[in-house]
Protein backbone atom coordinates (compact mmCIF):
# COMPACT_ATOMS: atom_id res chain seq x y z
CA MET A 1 -38.56 14.90 12.90
CA GLU A 2 -35.19 13.62 13.43
CA PRO A 3 -32.78 14.26 15.55
CA GLN A 4 -29.63 16.41 13.89
CA ALA A 5 -26.44 13.53 13.82
CA GLN A 6 -23.77 16.06 16.03
CA THR A 7 -20.01 16.37 14.74
CA ALA A 8 -17.77 16.88 16.09
CA THR A 9 -13.64 18.03 15.12
CA TYR A 10 -9.73 17.94 16.25
CA SER A 11 -6.95 18.68 14.82
CA GLY A 12 -3.99 20.14 16.95
CA TRP A 13 -0.46 17.55 17.60
CA THR A 14 -1.16 14.58 19.30
CA LEU A 15 0.45 10.87 20.94
CA LEU A 16 -1.26 8.27 19.38
CA GLU A 17 -1.73 4.73 20.44
CA LEU A 18 -3.10 2.26 17.91
CA MET A 19 -4.50 -1.02 17.94
CA GLY A 20 -1.33 -3.53 17.53
CA HIS A 21 0.80 -1.95 19.98
CA ASN A 22 1.33 0.60 16.96
CA ARG A 23 2.27 4.09 17.77
CA GLU A 24 2.47 7.74 15.52
CA ALA A 25 3.25 11.09 16.91
CA GLY A 26 1.74 13.92 14.63
CA TYR A 27 -0.45 17.15 13.62
CA LEU A 28 -3.85 15.41 13.49
CA SER A 29 -7.11 16.61 11.50
CA THR A 30 -10.16 15.34 11.07
CA LEU A 31 -11.71 14.38 7.42
CA TYR A 32 -15.46 14.44 6.69
CA PHE A 33 -16.61 12.31 3.87
CA GLY A 34 -20.19 11.60 3.67
CA ALA A 35 -20.76 9.92 7.25
CA VAL A 36 -17.63 9.04 6.75
CA ALA A 37 -15.33 10.64 9.49
CA LEU A 38 -12.36 9.93 9.15
CA LEU A 39 -8.26 10.61 11.29
CA GLN A 40 -5.52 12.52 9.35
CA VAL A 41 -1.83 12.75 10.56
CA ASP A 42 0.50 14.61 8.88
CA VAL A 43 4.18 13.18 10.25
CA PRO A 44 6.76 16.51 10.78
CA GLU A 45 9.51 15.52 8.51
CA ILE A 46 13.05 15.63 11.27
CA PRO A 47 15.86 17.13 10.02
CA ALA A 48 19.76 14.77 10.29
CA ARG A 49 21.86 16.97 13.28
CA GLU A 50 24.46 15.39 15.64
CA GLU A 51 23.86 15.13 19.04
CA THR A 52 26.44 14.42 22.63
CA LEU A 53 24.56 12.30 24.52
CA THR A 54 24.28 12.88 27.68
CA ARG A 55 23.99 8.84 29.26
CA PRO A 56 25.94 5.96 27.46
CA GLN A 57 24.22 4.41 24.20
CA TRP A 58 23.85 0.89 22.93
CA VAL A 59 25.77 1.77 19.08
CA GLY A 60 25.58 -2.18 16.96
CA SER A 61 27.66 -3.95 19.55
CA GLN A 62 29.23 -0.79 20.86
CA LEU A 63 28.36 0.39 24.19
CA LEU A 64 29.98 4.77 23.50
CA PRO A 65 29.99 6.91 26.58
CA VAL A 66 28.31 9.84 27.71
CA GLY A 67 29.71 12.91 25.73
CA THR A 68 30.05 11.01 22.57
CA VAL A 69 29.33 13.29 19.66
CA ILE A 70 26.52 11.17 17.01
CA ALA A 71 24.84 11.80 14.48
CA LYS A 72 21.77 10.78 13.10
CA GLU A 73 19.80 10.44 9.46
CA ALA A 74 17.01 12.22 8.17
CA ILE A 75 13.12 11.08 9.90
CA PRO A 76 11.22 12.36 6.40
CA GLY A 77 7.96 13.44 6.39
CA ARG A 78 4.91 11.21 5.88
CA SER A 79 0.74 11.83 6.32
CA PHE A 80 -1.50 8.95 6.41
CA MET A 81 -5.52 8.84 7.24
CA LEU A 82 -6.38 6.64 9.91
CA ASN A 83 -10.15 4.61 10.49
CA PRO A 84 -11.15 6.22 13.88
CA SER A 85 -11.32 3.08 15.33
CA ALA A 86 -7.56 2.09 15.29
CA ILE A 87 -7.25 4.83 18.29
CA TYR A 88 -7.12 3.58 21.74
CA ARG A 89 -5.35 6.26 23.40
CA ALA A 90 -5.30 10.31 22.07
CA HIS A 91 -2.70 12.13 24.86
CA PRO A 92 -2.96 16.02 23.06
CA ALA A 93 0.57 17.43 23.25
CA THR A 94 3.25 20.33 22.66
CA GLU A 95 3.99 20.19 19.10
CA GLU A 96 8.31 19.47 20.69
CA ALA A 97 7.15 16.35 22.31
CA VAL A 98 5.64 14.89 19.39
CA ARG A 99 8.70 16.00 17.71
CA ALA A 100 10.71 14.61 20.62
CA ALA A 101 8.96 11.11 20.22
CA ILE A 102 9.33 10.68 16.37
CA ALA A 103 13.15 11.28 17.13
CA ALA A 104 12.60 9.04 19.65
CA ASN A 105 10.78 6.33 17.72
CA GLN A 106 11.83 6.05 14.67
CA PRO A 107 15.12 3.25 13.52
CA ARG A 108 18.03 5.30 11.54
CA GLU A 109 21.41 4.78 10.88
CA ILE A 110 23.59 6.26 13.23
CA LYS A 111 26.71 7.71 13.15
CA VAL A 112 29.63 8.25 16.19
CA ILE A 113 31.01 11.23 15.10
CA SER A 114 33.88 11.44 18.00
CA ILE A 115 33.79 9.70 21.53
CA PRO A 116 35.08 12.11 24.33
CA GLN A 117 39.08 11.08 25.34
CA SER A 118 38.76 11.65 29.10
CA ALA A 119 35.88 8.91 29.61
CA GLN A 120 35.82 6.13 31.01
CA ARG A 121 34.16 2.93 30.73
CA THR A 122 31.34 2.25 31.40
CA LEU A 123 31.18 -0.95 32.91
CA LEU A 124 28.25 -3.61 32.73
CA PRO A 125 26.22 -5.61 35.22
CA GLY A 126 28.74 -8.01 37.44
CA GLU A 127 31.95 -5.68 36.31
CA ASP A 128 33.50 -4.21 39.14
CA GLU A 129 36.47 -1.27 38.51
CA THR A 130 38.94 -3.28 38.29
CA ASP A 131 38.63 -4.50 35.16
CA ASP A 132 39.96 -3.04 33.05
CA ASP A 133 39.65 -4.33 29.38
CA GLY A 134 37.45 -6.95 30.59
CA SER A 135 40.40 -10.08 30.51
CA GLU A 136 41.43 -12.03 33.31
CA ASP A 137 45.28 -12.62 34.58
CA TYR A 138 45.86 -16.37 35.14
CA SER A 139 49.16 -15.67 35.66
CA GLU A 140 49.38 -15.61 39.80
CA GLY A 141 50.50 -18.40 41.79
CA ILE A 142 51.61 -20.55 38.01
CA ASP A 143 55.43 -21.10 38.08
CA ASN A 144 57.18 -20.17 34.82
CA HIS A 145 59.33 -22.93 34.54
CA LEU A 146 60.01 -25.29 31.95
């Protein structure tokens, strides 16, 4: 008599690290097709939203200060099947952690709604507080006679 193969199932919110340095996040479910197991990953939709920056952030070539309000476009939901051997590491997580990972890692258009008037310009590495506009004043010591 042959020993019976044991099958295990898993379903839950998961952060996945896949071979090839890819990352995915979603609701993971085990599917069986006869003796073949696949994993279904359901990535939830992240709706469009407005956010107020809590730290400086680059948008295009502009460094936006804390307090800037930006609009992020929606991230559509999707589902895909995955061979279990493609997984390098899996982290069971909460739904909130999965949604935060999706929102942080999916590229999408960002629109600036408002920049606070009271915000000070964020200094770049190598700048000091005396450089208001980044331009140098070389007029000191120059004789303005023609």
